[in-house]
Amino acid sequence: NPSPFRLVIATNKNLSKLFADSGCSPLFGGICTEISLPPWEEDTMRQFINSRLARTSVNFVEKEIKLIVQKSKGNPRLLMQECNVIYRKHTQS
């Protein structure tokens, strides 16, 4: 039976680099399974942006979306940061 509990730790470095100073990750070897996720594709990024903006009165123009896609290079964290910058511009004007 699979465990009903899952712990997810997200990091932009693999475990061996994250714990480089100790020589070994305390999470490696049976405790955790490391999974590397590929960058998001453009369609996924656009769907994410549209789903988040759907709950607001803000709309990004195509030029802004292209800039977000280009700057984030599919990295979800960077995507959210770029969206936040543009969202703040819209809401502060």
Protein backbone atom coordinates (compact mmCIF):
# COMPACT_ATOMS: atom_id res chain seq x y z
CA ASN A 1 0.00 0.00 0.00
CA PRO A 2 1.34 3.43 -0.89
CA SER A 3 1.81 5.82 1.98
CA PRO A 4 -0.99 8.40 2.37
CA PHE A 5 1.60 11.03 3.25
CA ARG A 6 4.06 12.68 0.86
CA LEU A 7 6.66 15.33 1.59
CA VAL A 8 7.81 17.43 -1.34
CA ILE A 9 10.96 19.52 -1.11
CA ALA A 10 11.53 21.83 -4.06
CA THR A 11 14.94 23.25 -4.81
CA ASN A 12 16.76 24.56 -7.85
CA LYS A 13 19.84 22.44 -7.01
CA ASN A 14 20.20 18.67 -6.86
CA LEU A 15 20.73 17.11 -3.43
CA SER A 16 24.46 16.48 -3.91
CA LYS A 17 25.05 20.19 -4.58
CA LEU A 18 22.60 21.35 -1.93
CA PHE A 19 24.53 19.49 0.78
CA ALA A 20 28.00 19.78 -0.78
CA ASP A 21 29.61 20.99 2.45
CA SER A 22 28.54 17.87 4.37
CA GLY A 23 29.55 15.41 1.65
CA CYS A 24 26.19 13.64 1.65
CA SER A 25 22.57 14.66 1.74
CA PRO A 26 20.68 13.48 4.82
CA LEU A 27 17.70 13.01 2.49
CA PHE A 28 19.47 10.82 -0.05
CA GLY A 29 19.38 7.03 -0.15
CA GLY A 30 15.97 5.57 0.48
CA ILE A 31 14.43 8.44 2.40
CA CYS A 32 13.76 10.63 -0.62
CA THR A 33 13.52 10.11 -4.33
CA GLU A 34 15.06 12.92 -6.32
CA ILE A 35 13.11 13.89 -9.42
CA SER A 36 14.38 16.51 -11.86
CA LEU A 37 11.64 18.43 -13.61
CA PRO A 38 12.14 19.88 -17.08
CA PRO A 39 11.43 23.54 -17.80
CA TRP A 40 7.82 24.38 -18.57
CA GLU A 41 6.85 24.60 -22.22
CA GLU A 42 5.42 27.84 -23.57
CA ASP A 43 1.85 26.49 -23.63
CA THR A 44 2.11 25.53 -19.95
CA MET A 45 3.46 28.98 -19.07
CA ARG A 46 0.64 30.70 -20.96
CA GLN A 47 -1.98 28.49 -19.28
CA PHE A 48 -0.47 29.30 -15.88
CA ILE A 49 -0.53 33.06 -16.58
CA ASN A 50 -4.11 32.97 -17.89
CA SER A 51 -5.38 30.86 -15.00
CA ARG A 52 -3.92 33.25 -12.43
CA LEU A 53 -5.14 36.38 -14.18
CA ALA A 54 -8.64 34.94 -14.66
CA ARG A 55 -9.37 35.73 -11.01
CA THR A 56 -8.39 39.38 -11.44
CA SER A 57 -9.33 42.38 -13.54
CA VAL A 58 -5.78 42.53 -14.96
CA ASN A 59 -4.89 41.37 -18.46
CA PHE A 60 -1.38 41.09 -19.86
CA VAL A 61 -0.86 42.09 -23.48
CA GLU A 62 0.90 39.67 -25.84
CA LYS A 63 4.14 41.67 -25.69
CA GLU A 64 4.24 41.27 -21.89
CA ILE A 65 3.54 37.54 -22.09
CA LYS A 66 6.30 37.03 -24.65
CA LEU A 67 8.70 38.92 -22.38
CA ILE A 68 7.74 36.74 -19.39
CA VAL A 69 8.21 33.55 -21.44
CA GLN A 70 11.56 34.76 -22.76
CA LYS A 71 12.95 35.90 -19.39
CA SER A 72 11.77 32.89 -17.38
CA LYS A 73 13.04 30.25 -19.87
CA GLY A 74 10.47 27.81 -18.48
CA ASN A 75 11.57 28.12 -14.85
CA PRO A 76 8.35 28.29 -12.78
CA ARG A 77 9.91 30.41 -10.01
CA LEU A 78 11.25 32.97 -12.51
CA LEU A 79 7.93 32.91 -14.34
CA MET A 80 6.08 33.83 -11.15
CA GLN A 81 8.59 36.58 -10.37
CA GLU A 82 8.27 38.11 -13.85
CA CYS A 83 4.48 37.90 -13.67
CA ASN A 84 4.54 39.64 -10.31
CA VAL A 85 6.63 42.52 -11.68
CA ILE A 86 4.23 43.10 -14.56
CA TYR A 87 1.13 42.57 -12.41
CA ARG A 88 2.35 45.26 -9.97
CA LYS A 89 2.85 47.69 -12.88
CA HIS A 90 -0.75 47.14 -13.93
CA THR A 91 -2.18 47.53 -10.45
CA GLN A 92 -0.09 50.56 -9.47
CA SER A 93 -1.05 52.64 -12.49
